[in-house]
N, C-alpha and C. Protein backbone atom coordinates (compact mmCIF):
# COMPACT_ATOMS: atom_id res chain seq x y z
N MET A 1 4.59 21.50 -10.22
CA MET A 1 4.88 19.65 -10.97
C MET A 1 3.27 19.37 -10.27
N VAL A 2 2.91 18.72 -11.61
CA VAL A 2 1.21 18.43 -11.09
C VAL A 2 1.64 17.23 -10.69
N ILE A 3 1.04 16.21 -9.69
CA ILE A 3 1.20 15.16 -9.97
C ILE A 3 0.66 14.03 -10.18
N SER A 4 0.67 12.90 -10.76
CA SER A 4 -0.81 12.14 -11.41
C SER A 4 -1.85 11.19 -10.19
N LYS A 5 -3.24 11.38 -10.24
CA LYS A 5 -3.70 10.80 -9.51
C LYS A 5 -5.32 9.92 -10.23
N PRO A 6 -5.55 8.58 -9.25
CA PRO A 6 -6.50 8.66 -9.99
C PRO A 6 -7.71 9.70 -10.25
N ILE A 7 -8.43 9.29 -11.46
CA ILE A 7 -10.36 9.69 -11.56
C ILE A 7 -10.81 8.45 -11.11
N ILE A 8 -11.88 8.96 -9.32
CA ILE A 8 -13.11 8.27 -9.16
C ILE A 8 -14.24 8.61 -9.98
N VAL A 9 -14.94 8.08 -10.19
CA VAL A 9 -16.13 8.43 -10.68
C VAL A 9 -17.08 7.04 -10.04
N PRO A 10 -17.99 7.60 -9.51
CA PRO A 10 -19.33 6.83 -8.87
C PRO A 10 -19.91 6.25 -10.32
N ALA A 11 -20.33 4.31 -9.86
CA ALA A 11 -20.55 4.22 -11.16
C ALA A 11 -21.68 4.33 -11.36
N SER A 12 -22.45 4.67 -10.10
CA SER A 12 -24.19 4.87 -10.48
C SER A 12 -23.90 6.58 -11.88
N SER A 13 -23.09 6.87 -12.26
CA SER A 13 -22.23 7.83 -13.84
C SER A 13 -22.35 7.03 -14.65
N SER A 14 -23.33 6.45 -15.21
CA SER A 14 -22.78 6.10 -16.37
C SER A 14 -22.51 6.88 -16.97
N ALA A 15 -22.85 8.07 -17.39
CA ALA A 15 -22.60 8.47 -18.97
C ALA A 15 -20.64 8.64 -18.51
N ARG A 16 -20.39 9.21 -17.56
CA ARG A 16 -18.99 10.20 -16.89
C ARG A 16 -18.22 8.33 -17.17
N VAL A 17 -18.53 7.18 -16.54
CA VAL A 17 -17.96 5.96 -16.92
C VAL A 17 -17.94 5.77 -18.32
N ALA A 18 -18.83 5.18 -18.98
CA ALA A 18 -18.73 5.48 -20.57
C ALA A 18 -18.06 6.31 -21.13
N ALA A 19 -17.91 7.52 -20.48
CA ALA A 19 -16.22 8.50 -21.20
C ALA A 19 -15.20 8.54 -20.49
N ILE A 20 -15.26 7.97 -19.81
CA ILE A 20 -13.47 7.53 -19.21
C ILE A 20 -13.00 6.13 -19.59
N ALA A 21 -14.29 5.12 -19.62
CA ALA A 21 -13.77 4.09 -20.56
C ALA A 21 -13.27 4.22 -21.67
N LYS A 22 -13.60 5.10 -22.57
CA LYS A 22 -12.78 5.05 -23.95
C LYS A 22 -11.64 5.28 -23.82
N LYS A 23 -11.05 5.78 -23.10
CA LYS A 23 -9.95 6.13 -23.06
C LYS A 23 -8.95 5.19 -22.10
N ALA A 24 -9.58 3.88 -21.97
CA ALA A 24 -8.43 3.25 -21.04
C ALA A 24 -8.17 2.43 -21.84
N ILE A 25 -7.23 1.13 -21.97
CA ILE A 25 -6.09 0.54 -22.83
C ILE A 25 -7.40 -0.95 -22.08
N HIS A 26 -7.51 -0.64 -20.48
CA HIS A 26 -7.68 -2.44 -19.97
C HIS A 26 -8.69 -1.92 -19.00
N VAL A 27 -9.96 -2.47 -18.74
CA VAL A 27 -11.04 -2.10 -18.32
C VAL A 27 -10.76 -3.77 -17.33
N ILE A 28 -10.61 -3.18 -15.70
CA ILE A 28 -10.92 -4.46 -14.79
C ILE A 28 -11.96 -4.23 -14.26
N ASP A 29 -13.27 -5.33 -13.80
CA ASP A 29 -13.86 -5.28 -13.62
C ASP A 29 -14.42 -7.07 -12.10
N GLU A 30 -13.53 -7.10 -11.35
CA GLU A 30 -14.05 -8.14 -10.09
C GLU A 30 -14.89 -7.77 -9.04
N TYR A 31 -16.01 -6.77 -10.01
CA TYR A 31 -16.94 -6.60 -9.01
C TYR A 31 -17.40 -7.19 -7.60
N GLU A 32 -17.66 -8.45 -8.66
CA GLU A 32 -18.57 -9.36 -8.23
C GLU A 32 -17.58 -10.74 -6.63
N ASP A 33 -16.71 -10.29 -7.39
CA ASP A 33 -15.94 -11.47 -6.35
C ASP A 33 -15.65 -10.62 -5.12
N GLN A 34 -15.13 -9.25 -5.43
CA GLN A 34 -14.63 -8.04 -4.34
C GLN A 34 -15.91 -8.00 -3.39
N LEU A 35 -17.33 -8.71 -3.72
CA LEU A 35 -18.85 -8.68 -2.76
C LEU A 35 -18.49 -10.00 -2.59
N ARG A 36 -18.21 -11.14 -3.06
CA ARG A 36 -17.87 -12.14 -2.01
C ARG A 36 -17.34 -12.53 -1.27
N GLU A 37 -15.94 -11.93 -1.65
CA GLU A 37 -15.13 -11.57 0.08
C GLU A 37 -15.40 -11.16 0.50
N LEU A 38 -15.90 -9.67 0.61
CA LEU A 38 -16.59 -9.08 1.41
C LEU A 38 -17.83 -9.88 2.40
N PHE A 39 -18.51 -10.68 2.09
CA PHE A 39 -19.63 -11.25 2.69
C PHE A 39 -19.11 -12.29 3.61
N ALA A 40 -17.75 -13.16 3.18
CA ALA A 40 -16.66 -13.71 3.64
C ALA A 40 -16.38 -13.26 5.03
N VAL A 41 -15.71 -12.20 4.36
CA VAL A 41 -15.27 -11.46 6.05
C VAL A 41 -15.53 -10.69 7.14
N ARG A 42 -17.05 -10.48 6.40
CA ARG A 42 -18.08 -10.32 7.48
C ARG A 42 -18.82 -11.50 8.45
N ASN A 43 -18.46 -12.80 8.07
CA ASN A 43 -19.35 -13.37 8.29
C ASN A 43 -18.29 -14.68 8.65
N PRO A 44 -17.49 -14.59 9.55
CA PRO A 44 -15.79 -15.62 9.66
C PRO A 44 -16.59 -16.76 10.00
N MET A 45 -17.70 -17.00 10.76
CA MET A 45 -17.59 -18.73 11.37
C MET A 45 -18.13 -19.65 10.08
N LEU A 46 -18.79 -18.97 8.90
CA LEU A 46 -19.18 -19.55 8.04
C LEU A 46 -18.60 -20.12 7.24
N LYS A 47 -17.06 -19.89 7.73
CA LYS A 47 -15.85 -20.64 6.99
C LYS A 47 -15.96 -21.98 7.76
N ARG A 48 -16.11 -22.18 8.99
CA ARG A 48 -16.63 -23.40 9.52
C ARG A 48 -17.26 -24.44 8.37
N ASN A 49 -18.48 -24.48 7.57
CA ASN A 49 -19.06 -24.85 6.41
C ASN A 49 -19.06 -24.28 5.10
N PRO A 50 -18.08 -24.94 4.72
CA PRO A 50 -17.67 -23.84 3.25
C PRO A 50 -18.94 -23.84 2.26
N ALA A 51 -19.90 -25.13 2.45
CA ALA A 51 -20.74 -25.52 1.66
C ALA A 51 -21.99 -24.34 1.80
N ALA A 52 -22.16 -24.20 3.49
CA ALA A 52 -23.40 -23.28 3.43
C ALA A 52 -22.77 -21.98 3.37
N LEU A 53 -21.68 -21.37 3.71
CA LEU A 53 -21.07 -20.04 3.14
C LEU A 53 -21.00 -19.93 2.13
N ALA A 54 -20.85 -21.42 0.67
CA ALA A 54 -21.20 -20.35 -0.52
C ALA A 54 -22.37 -20.66 -0.79
N VAL A 55 -23.45 -20.96 0.34
CA VAL A 55 -24.59 -20.62 -0.51
C VAL A 55 -25.18 -19.35 0.23
N ARG A 56 -24.98 -19.16 1.49
CA ARG A 56 -25.20 -17.88 2.07
C ARG A 56 -24.48 -16.77 1.29
N THR A 57 -23.45 -16.58 0.57
CA THR A 57 -22.23 -15.51 -0.30
C THR A 57 -23.27 -15.14 -1.72
N GLU A 58 -23.73 -16.55 -2.09
CA GLU A 58 -24.43 -15.81 -3.80
C GLU A 58 -25.59 -15.74 -3.24
N GLU A 59 -26.33 -15.94 -2.40
CA GLU A 59 -27.80 -15.15 -2.01
C GLU A 59 -27.25 -13.60 -1.94
N PHE A 60 -26.55 -13.69 -1.06
CA PHE A 60 -26.20 -12.11 -0.66
C PHE A 60 -25.77 -11.18 -2.16
N VAL A 61 -24.68 -11.58 -3.27
CA VAL A 61 -24.63 -11.22 -4.14
C VAL A 61 -25.62 -11.10 -4.39
N SER A 62 -26.93 -11.92 -5.18
CA SER A 62 -28.19 -12.27 -5.94
C SER A 62 -28.83 -10.51 -5.23
N GLU A 63 -29.26 -10.33 -3.89
CA GLU A 63 -29.42 -10.16 -3.24
C GLU A 63 -29.32 -8.74 -4.09
N THR A 64 -27.69 -8.54 -3.43
CA THR A 64 -27.53 -7.15 -4.01
C THR A 64 -27.67 -6.60 -5.18
N ALA A 65 -27.50 -7.63 -6.33
CA ALA A 65 -28.06 -7.28 -7.54
C ALA A 65 -29.28 -6.86 -7.76
N ARG A 66 -30.05 -7.54 -7.03
CA ARG A 66 -31.49 -7.32 -6.98
C ARG A 66 -31.72 -5.92 -6.81
N ARG A 67 -31.06 -5.46 -5.84
CA ARG A 67 -31.20 -4.05 -5.68
C ARG A 67 -31.16 -3.06 -6.25
N THR A 68 -29.05 -2.75 -6.46
CA THR A 68 -28.85 -2.16 -8.24
C THR A 68 -28.06 -3.42 -8.64
N PRO A 69 -27.84 -2.36 -9.80
CA PRO A 69 -27.14 -3.25 -10.86
C PRO A 69 -25.70 -3.74 -10.36
N LEU A 70 -25.00 -4.44 -10.45
CA LEU A 70 -23.42 -4.56 -9.65
C LEU A 70 -22.75 -3.34 -10.67
N LYS A 71 -23.25 -3.19 -12.13
CA LYS A 71 -22.10 -2.17 -12.83
C LYS A 71 -22.52 -1.05 -12.15
N ALA A 72 -23.77 -0.25 -11.55
CA ALA A 72 -24.02 0.69 -11.41
C ALA A 72 -23.55 0.87 -9.70
N GLN A 73 -23.09 -0.29 -9.01
CA GLN A 73 -22.51 -0.13 -7.83
C GLN A 73 -21.05 0.15 -7.27
N GLY A 74 -20.51 1.02 -5.93
CA GLY A 74 -19.51 1.18 -6.06
C GLY A 74 -18.51 2.07 -7.09
N SER A 75 -17.60 2.42 -7.39
CA SER A 75 -17.05 3.00 -7.94
C SER A 75 -16.11 2.48 -9.40
N TRP A 76 -15.56 3.30 -9.85
CA TRP A 76 -14.79 3.15 -11.59
C TRP A 76 -13.08 3.87 -11.27
N ALA A 77 -12.36 3.24 -10.88
CA ALA A 77 -11.36 4.44 -10.98
C ALA A 77 -10.51 4.02 -11.87
N TYR A 78 -9.74 5.53 -12.32
CA TYR A 78 -9.14 4.96 -13.59
C TYR A 78 -8.01 5.66 -13.57
N PHE A 79 -6.49 5.39 -14.04
CA PHE A 79 -5.40 5.59 -13.45
C PHE A 79 -4.32 5.69 -14.83
N PRO A 80 -4.63 7.16 -14.82
CA PRO A 80 -4.38 7.78 -16.40
C PRO A 80 -2.90 7.65 -16.94
N TRP A 81 -1.90 6.91 -15.85
CA TRP A 81 -0.39 6.95 -15.98
C TRP A 81 -0.72 5.32 -16.82
N SER A 82 -1.45 4.30 -16.99
CA SER A 82 -1.26 2.94 -16.74
C SER A 82 -2.45 3.29 -18.19
N ARG A 83 -3.25 3.58 -17.82
CA ARG A 83 -4.63 3.79 -18.80
C ARG A 83 -5.63 2.58 -18.24
N GLU A 84 -5.50 2.50 -17.10
CA GLU A 84 -6.71 0.66 -16.33
C GLU A 84 -7.31 1.98 -16.09
N LEU A 85 -8.84 0.72 -16.39
CA LEU A 85 -10.22 1.56 -15.83
C LEU A 85 -10.35 0.18 -14.43
N VAL A 86 -10.81 0.68 -13.03
CA VAL A 86 -11.05 -0.63 -12.05
C VAL A 86 -12.28 -0.69 -11.26
N HIS A 87 -13.32 -1.45 -11.43
CA HIS A 87 -14.62 -1.30 -10.59
C HIS A 87 -13.90 -1.46 -9.21
N VAL A 88 -14.33 -0.99 -8.49
CA VAL A 88 -14.18 -1.44 -6.68
C VAL A 88 -15.20 -0.99 -6.25
N LEU A 89 -15.41 -1.73 -4.85
CA LEU A 89 -15.91 -1.43 -3.53
C LEU A 89 -16.27 0.47 -3.56
N ALA A 90 -17.34 0.44 -2.86
CA ALA A 90 -17.59 2.32 -2.17
C ALA A 90 -16.51 2.02 -1.12
N HIS A 91 -16.02 3.24 -1.11
CA HIS A 91 -14.81 3.92 -0.25
C HIS A 91 -14.66 3.31 0.81
N ASP A 92 -16.23 2.93 1.60
CA ASP A 92 -15.77 2.43 3.22
C ASP A 92 -15.57 0.80 3.53
N ALA A 93 -16.76 0.64 2.32
CA ALA A 93 -16.39 -1.27 1.93
C ALA A 93 -15.45 -1.56 1.23
N PHE A 94 -14.73 -0.77 0.54
CA PHE A 94 -13.46 -0.81 -0.29
C PHE A 94 -12.29 -0.71 1.35
N TYR A 95 -12.52 -0.08 2.28
CA TYR A 95 -11.21 0.04 3.12
C TYR A 95 -11.30 -1.46 4.23
N GLU A 96 -12.91 -1.69 4.58
CA GLU A 96 -12.86 -3.01 5.11
C GLU A 96 -12.73 -3.91 4.81
N LEU A 97 -12.45 -4.46 3.34
CA LEU A 97 -12.25 -5.43 3.10
C LEU A 97 -10.92 -5.29 2.98
N ARG A 98 -10.34 -4.09 2.56
CA ARG A 98 -8.57 -3.62 2.64
C ARG A 98 -7.67 -4.43 3.61
N THR A 99 -8.97 -4.02 4.42
CA THR A 99 -8.23 -4.05 6.56
C THR A 99 -8.05 -5.33 6.80
N ALA A 100 -8.82 -5.97 5.88
CA ALA A 100 -9.75 -7.16 6.86
C ALA A 100 -8.78 -8.71 7.42
N ARG A 101 -7.76 -8.63 6.91
CA ARG A 101 -6.03 -9.85 7.16
C ARG A 101 -5.56 -8.53 8.60
N ASN A 102 -6.38 -7.20 8.60
CA ASN A 102 -4.98 -6.66 9.83
C ASN A 102 -5.77 -6.85 11.31
N ARG A 103 -6.91 -8.32 11.60
CA ARG A 103 -7.38 -8.29 12.95
C ARG A 103 -6.85 -9.19 13.37
N ASN A 104 -6.79 -8.98 14.44
CA ASN A 104 -5.70 -9.31 15.22
C ASN A 104 -4.00 -8.90 15.54
N LEU A 105 -3.88 -7.93 14.76
CA LEU A 105 -2.88 -7.59 14.16
C LEU A 105 -2.66 -6.49 15.13
N ILE A 106 -3.95 -5.96 14.90
CA ILE A 106 -4.03 -3.91 15.56
C ILE A 106 -5.36 -4.62 16.54
N THR A 107 -5.15 -3.92 16.71
CA THR A 107 -7.23 -3.84 17.32
C THR A 107 -8.23 -2.85 16.66
N SER A 108 -9.43 -2.78 16.67
CA SER A 108 -10.59 -1.93 15.88
C SER A 108 -9.98 -0.76 15.95
N ASN A 109 -9.42 -0.33 18.00
CA ASN A 109 -9.76 1.14 18.25
C ASN A 109 -7.92 1.55 17.48
N GLU A 110 -7.53 0.10 17.23
CA GLU A 110 -6.00 1.42 16.99
C GLU A 110 -6.13 1.15 15.19
N GLN A 111 -6.83 0.33 15.00
CA GLN A 111 -7.06 0.35 12.79
C GLN A 111 -8.03 2.02 12.84
N ALA A 112 -9.04 2.23 13.81
CA ALA A 112 -9.51 3.85 13.44
C ALA A 112 -8.50 4.67 13.47
N VAL A 113 -8.20 4.51 14.58
CA VAL A 113 -7.01 5.33 14.50
C VAL A 113 -5.78 5.69 13.50
N LEU A 114 -5.39 4.88 13.26
CA LEU A 114 -4.64 4.04 11.85
C LEU A 114 -5.01 5.46 10.91
N ARG A 115 -6.39 5.36 10.21
CA ARG A 115 -7.05 5.08 9.01
C ARG A 115 -7.31 7.10 9.02
N THR A 116 -7.56 7.41 10.03
CA THR A 116 -7.73 9.15 10.52
C THR A 116 -6.35 9.99 10.39
N ALA A 117 -5.16 9.64 11.19
CA ALA A 117 -4.49 9.98 11.22
C ALA A 117 -3.54 9.93 10.63
N ALA A 118 -2.84 11.68 10.12
CA ALA A 118 -2.30 12.03 9.07
C ALA A 118 -0.60 11.69 9.17
N ILE A 119 0.29 11.16 8.00
CA ILE A 119 1.37 10.92 8.79
C ILE A 119 2.07 11.44 6.93
N GLY A 120 3.17 12.29 7.64
CA GLY A 120 4.61 12.93 6.72
C GLY A 120 5.46 11.79 6.36
N VAL A 121 5.84 11.25 5.14
CA VAL A 121 6.96 11.20 4.95
C VAL A 121 7.92 11.82 3.60
N ALA A 122 9.44 12.80 4.43
CA ALA A 122 9.88 12.78 3.58
C ALA A 122 11.24 12.33 2.82
N GLY A 123 11.07 11.89 2.06
CA GLY A 123 12.18 11.63 1.27
C GLY A 123 11.60 10.17 1.17
N MET A 124 11.10 9.95 -0.09
CA MET A 124 11.03 8.78 -1.60
C MET A 124 12.05 7.72 -1.88
N SER A 125 13.44 7.59 -1.15
CA SER A 125 13.96 6.33 -1.24
C SER A 125 14.03 5.45 -0.27
N VAL A 126 14.10 5.18 0.80
CA VAL A 126 13.88 4.47 1.98
C VAL A 126 12.65 4.76 1.87
N GLY A 127 12.61 6.03 2.41
CA GLY A 127 10.85 6.42 2.51
C GLY A 127 9.62 5.74 2.21
N SER A 128 10.19 5.47 0.65
CA SER A 128 8.92 4.93 -0.60
C SER A 128 8.33 3.23 0.22
N SER A 129 9.30 3.06 1.38
CA SER A 129 8.91 1.19 1.49
C SER A 129 8.27 1.72 2.48
N ALA A 130 8.29 2.46 3.92
CA ALA A 130 7.41 3.19 5.29
C ALA A 130 6.02 3.57 4.65
N VAL A 131 6.46 4.26 3.67
CA VAL A 131 4.95 4.90 3.16
C VAL A 131 4.08 3.49 2.66
N ALA A 132 4.91 2.93 1.65
CA ALA A 132 3.53 1.96 1.41
C ALA A 132 3.62 0.89 2.47
N ALA A 133 4.56 0.27 3.62
CA ALA A 133 3.79 -0.24 4.83
C ALA A 133 3.07 0.53 5.29
N LEU A 134 2.99 1.99 5.98
CA LEU A 134 1.32 2.25 6.25
C LEU A 134 0.90 2.36 5.66
N VAL A 135 0.52 2.31 4.33
CA VAL A 135 -0.64 2.34 3.37
C VAL A 135 -1.30 1.08 3.02
N LEU A 136 -0.26 -0.08 2.94
CA LEU A 136 -0.84 -1.29 3.39
C LEU A 136 -1.81 -1.56 4.73
N GLU A 137 -1.22 -1.17 5.90
CA GLU A 137 -1.62 -1.16 7.31
C GLU A 137 -3.25 -0.51 7.29
N GLY A 138 -3.41 0.94 6.57
CA GLY A 138 -4.57 1.06 6.48
C GLY A 138 -4.41 2.43 6.51
N THR A 139 -3.24 3.43 6.58
CA THR A 139 -2.96 4.45 6.67
C THR A 139 -3.84 5.09 5.26
N GLU A 140 -4.38 6.23 6.30
CA GLU A 140 -5.98 6.85 4.47
C GLU A 140 -5.21 8.79 3.89
N HIS A 141 -4.37 9.14 5.10
CA HIS A 141 -3.98 10.36 5.37
C HIS A 141 -2.47 10.67 5.09
N VAL A 142 -2.12 10.74 4.03
CA VAL A 142 -0.98 10.48 3.95
C VAL A 142 0.03 12.03 3.28
N ARG A 143 1.43 12.58 3.27
CA ARG A 143 2.55 13.55 2.64
C ARG A 143 3.14 13.05 2.80
N ILE A 144 3.92 12.84 0.47
CA ILE A 144 5.06 12.77 0.52
C ILE A 144 5.54 13.19 0.29
N ALA A 145 7.04 13.81 0.48
CA ALA A 145 7.82 15.22 -0.68
C ALA A 145 9.76 14.11 -0.37
N ASP A 146 9.77 14.95 -1.82
CA ASP A 146 11.49 14.60 -2.40
C ASP A 146 11.37 15.18 -3.93
N PHE A 147 12.11 15.97 -3.83
CA PHE A 147 12.51 16.63 -4.95
C PHE A 147 13.74 16.23 -5.90
N ASP A 148 13.55 14.85 -5.72
CA ASP A 148 14.78 13.45 -6.54
C ASP A 148 13.90 13.16 -7.81
N THR A 149 15.41 13.02 -8.56
CA THR A 149 14.12 11.48 -9.80
C THR A 149 15.09 10.55 -9.62
N LEU A 150 14.61 9.50 -10.10
CA LEU A 150 14.76 8.12 -9.93
C LEU A 150 16.45 8.22 -10.92
N SER A 151 17.35 7.18 -10.50
CA SER A 151 18.48 7.15 -11.40
C SER A 151 18.85 5.78 -10.88
N VAL A 152 19.52 4.58 -11.55
CA VAL A 152 20.02 3.60 -11.31
C VAL A 152 20.43 3.38 -9.59
N SER A 153 21.19 4.17 -9.40
CA SER A 153 22.12 3.91 -8.58
C SER A 153 20.96 3.79 -7.06
N ASN A 154 19.40 4.18 -7.15
CA ASN A 154 18.40 4.28 -6.18
C ASN A 154 17.62 2.68 -5.95
N LEU A 155 18.46 2.27 -7.63
CA LEU A 155 17.07 0.70 -7.80
C LEU A 155 17.74 -0.28 -6.50
N ASN A 156 18.58 -0.25 -5.48
CA ASN A 156 18.80 -0.39 -4.56
C ASN A 156 18.02 -0.94 -3.22
N ARG A 157 16.75 0.38 -3.75
CA ARG A 157 15.86 0.92 -1.99
C ARG A 157 14.70 0.94 -2.76
N ILE A 158 14.92 1.12 -4.27
CA ILE A 158 13.21 1.37 -4.52
C ILE A 158 12.80 1.05 -4.99
N ARG A 159 11.40 0.06 -4.94
CA ARG A 159 10.61 -0.96 -5.56
C ARG A 159 10.61 -0.04 -6.74
N ALA A 160 10.95 0.18 -7.94
CA ALA A 160 10.71 1.01 -9.38
C ALA A 160 11.41 0.37 -10.49
N SER A 161 10.75 0.61 -11.72
CA SER A 161 11.49 -0.01 -12.72
C SER A 161 11.74 0.66 -13.45
N VAL A 162 13.32 0.28 -14.30
CA VAL A 162 13.96 1.25 -15.23
C VAL A 162 13.13 2.05 -16.73
N ALA A 163 11.98 1.54 -15.88
CA ALA A 163 11.29 2.36 -17.15
C ALA A 163 10.40 4.00 -16.42
N HIS A 164 11.08 3.89 -15.27
CA HIS A 164 10.53 5.14 -14.18
C HIS A 164 12.07 6.64 -14.18
N LEU A 165 13.32 5.65 -14.67
CA LEU A 165 14.43 6.56 -15.21
C LEU A 165 13.79 7.78 -15.10
N GLY A 166 14.45 9.07 -14.17
CA GLY A 166 13.90 10.21 -14.73
C GLY A 166 12.76 10.78 -13.86
N LEU A 167 12.14 9.83 -13.37
CA LEU A 167 10.63 10.72 -13.12
C LEU A 167 10.83 11.12 -11.66
N ASN A 168 9.99 11.54 -11.21
CA ASN A 168 10.17 12.42 -9.86
C ASN A 168 9.97 11.01 -9.06
N LYS A 169 10.61 10.98 -7.90
CA LYS A 169 10.25 10.03 -6.93
C LYS A 169 9.26 10.17 -6.12
N VAL A 170 8.28 11.48 -5.89
CA VAL A 170 6.51 11.07 -5.51
C VAL A 170 5.90 10.38 -6.45
N GLU A 171 6.24 11.04 -7.76
CA GLU A 171 5.38 10.07 -8.55
C GLU A 171 5.50 9.00 -8.90
N ILE A 172 6.76 8.68 -8.75
CA ILE A 172 6.43 7.20 -8.14
C ILE A 172 5.96 6.39 -7.22
N ALA A 173 6.14 7.11 -6.60
CA ALA A 173 5.52 6.59 -5.09
C ALA A 173 4.04 6.98 -5.18
N ALA A 174 3.54 8.01 -5.54
CA ALA A 174 1.94 8.49 -5.18
C ALA A 174 1.38 6.92 -6.35
N ARG A 175 1.40 6.81 -7.43
CA ARG A 175 1.43 5.78 -8.67
C ARG A 175 1.09 3.89 -7.89
N ALA A 176 2.12 4.22 -7.10
CA ALA A 176 1.95 2.56 -6.48
C ALA A 176 1.38 2.67 -4.93
N LEU A 177 0.96 4.08 -4.70
CA LEU A 177 0.03 4.25 -3.75
C LEU A 177 -1.20 4.49 -3.76
N TYR A 178 -1.17 4.55 -5.04
CA TYR A 178 -2.77 5.27 -5.45
C TYR A 178 -3.27 3.45 -5.89
N GLY A 179 -2.46 2.60 -6.36
CA GLY A 179 -2.46 1.18 -6.87
C GLY A 179 -3.00 0.53 -5.52
N LEU A 180 -2.32 0.54 -4.93
CA LEU A 180 -3.12 0.05 -3.48
C LEU A 180 -4.45 0.67 -2.69
N HIS A 181 -3.99 2.16 -3.06
CA HIS A 181 -6.03 2.47 -2.27
C HIS A 181 -6.16 3.81 -2.97
N PRO A 182 -7.01 3.43 -4.29
CA PRO A 182 -7.65 4.85 -5.44
C PRO A 182 -7.96 5.98 -4.36
N TYR A 183 -8.86 5.11 -3.20
CA TYR A 183 -9.41 6.52 -2.19
C TYR A 183 -8.41 7.04 -1.51
N LEU A 184 -7.31 6.90 -1.41
CA LEU A 184 -6.49 7.84 -0.32
C LEU A 184 -6.00 9.00 -0.65
N HIS A 185 -6.11 9.57 0.77
CA HIS A 185 -5.81 11.35 0.15
C HIS A 185 -4.50 11.44 0.21
N LEU A 186 -3.89 11.80 -0.43
CA LEU A 186 -2.70 11.66 -0.38
C LEU A 186 -1.78 13.14 -1.06
N ASP A 187 -1.24 13.82 -0.43
CA ASP A 187 -0.83 15.47 -0.41
C ASP A 187 0.26 15.46 -0.75
N THR A 188 1.01 15.54 -1.97
CA THR A 188 2.26 15.89 -2.76
C THR A 188 3.50 16.74 -2.82
N PHE A 189 4.30 16.63 -3.12
CA PHE A 189 5.30 18.13 -2.39
C PHE A 189 6.46 17.19 -3.36
N PRO A 190 6.51 17.36 -4.55
CA PRO A 190 7.77 16.42 -5.62
C PRO A 190 8.59 17.78 -5.75
N THR A 191 8.95 19.39 -4.98
CA THR A 191 9.84 19.73 -5.12
C THR A 191 10.66 19.68 -3.53
N GLY A 192 10.92 18.94 -2.50
CA GLY A 192 10.77 18.33 -2.05
C GLY A 192 9.89 19.67 -0.64
N LEU A 193 10.89 19.86 0.63
CA LEU A 193 10.60 20.58 1.50
C LEU A 193 11.68 21.53 1.94
N THR A 194 10.95 22.61 1.74
CA THR A 194 11.75 24.29 1.64
C THR A 194 11.11 25.02 2.41
N ALA A 195 11.89 25.86 2.80
CA ALA A 195 11.82 26.84 3.51
C ALA A 195 10.08 27.56 3.84
N ALA A 196 9.90 27.73 2.05
CA ALA A 196 8.57 27.99 1.74
C ALA A 196 6.53 26.95 2.16
N SER A 197 7.89 25.67 1.90
CA SER A 197 6.38 24.34 2.06
C SER A 197 7.06 23.62 3.49
N LEU A 198 7.43 24.15 4.13
CA LEU A 198 7.70 23.33 5.39
C LEU A 198 6.50 22.79 6.25
N LYS A 199 5.69 24.54 6.89
CA LYS A 199 4.74 24.67 7.44
C LYS A 199 3.48 23.94 6.76
N LYS A 200 3.46 24.21 5.75
CA LYS A 200 2.39 23.48 5.41
C LYS A 200 2.00 21.80 5.59
N PHE A 201 3.80 21.11 4.88
CA PHE A 201 3.81 19.69 5.21
C PHE A 201 3.25 19.13 6.72
N VAL A 202 3.87 19.93 7.77
CA VAL A 202 3.61 19.39 8.95
C VAL A 202 2.42 19.88 9.51
N ALA A 203 1.34 21.09 9.14
CA ALA A 203 0.69 21.95 10.07
C ALA A 203 -0.40 21.97 9.07
N GLY A 204 0.38 21.12 7.54
CA GLY A 204 -1.16 21.12 7.13
C GLY A 204 -2.50 21.83 6.62
N PRO A 205 -3.80 21.99 6.90
CA PRO A 205 -4.23 20.55 7.41
C PRO A 205 -4.65 19.67 6.27
N PRO A 206 -4.65 18.29 7.07
CA PRO A 206 -4.73 18.79 8.72
C PRO A 206 -3.03 18.52 9.30
N ARG A 207 -3.07 18.87 10.47
CA ARG A 207 -1.47 18.39 10.92
C ARG A 207 -1.02 17.07 10.97
N LEU A 208 0.02 16.94 10.95
CA LEU A 208 0.62 15.86 10.96
C LEU A 208 0.58 14.89 12.77
N ALA A 209 -0.01 13.96 13.05
CA ALA A 209 0.32 13.20 13.87
C ALA A 209 1.37 12.50 13.94
N VAL A 210 2.49 12.11 13.06
CA VAL A 210 3.90 11.35 12.74
C VAL A 210 4.03 12.04 11.82
N LEU A 211 5.84 12.15 12.15
CA LEU A 211 6.53 12.39 11.21
C LEU A 211 8.06 11.82 10.24
N VAL A 212 8.03 11.62 9.37
CA VAL A 212 8.85 10.17 9.31
C VAL A 212 10.10 10.70 8.55
N ASP A 213 11.35 11.10 8.47
CA ASP A 213 12.08 11.07 7.74
C ASP A 213 13.50 10.22 7.80
């Protein structure tokens, strides 16, 4: 079973972006607002002066666009299961912005460890909430396993839709996780953990730092 994953295309590859855009039924381009938010989180002291922040932010956006047209910056993420095409910041800038509100909850060093640590979660019923929390906090290397498909009785502990009934739980989790973080490094085991797959699940590469069962 092949689990769905987004197609990430550098925005500078205009021909590839145009080809994928023909498949999309919904194109989302909020890139300029992402730049504004990125500038704000990089310059927290300016929040004390909203007028100055507004002026400096527009200067930053204008200068960024002057160097390279915004349409050619960052990446476009295409989600084949929903046929949505989304313009996002480049990987490191996207990660910086996604985790900006983690400051003072965890330290910069802890954030760096969390980003690089490989974490495996076996079982996508209760485990789907655990892995979602990890990705929300900044985990980028995740391994998930489950052989089962979604049934109605699972909906007391899995955030899914009745439209997902009969779908493998790993597929459901993967779609949600990629929606949170299209650059995510996600290894999937939709047949669950078996004697043949357990070693690869744990040892990788990369080797798991934490296993959640």
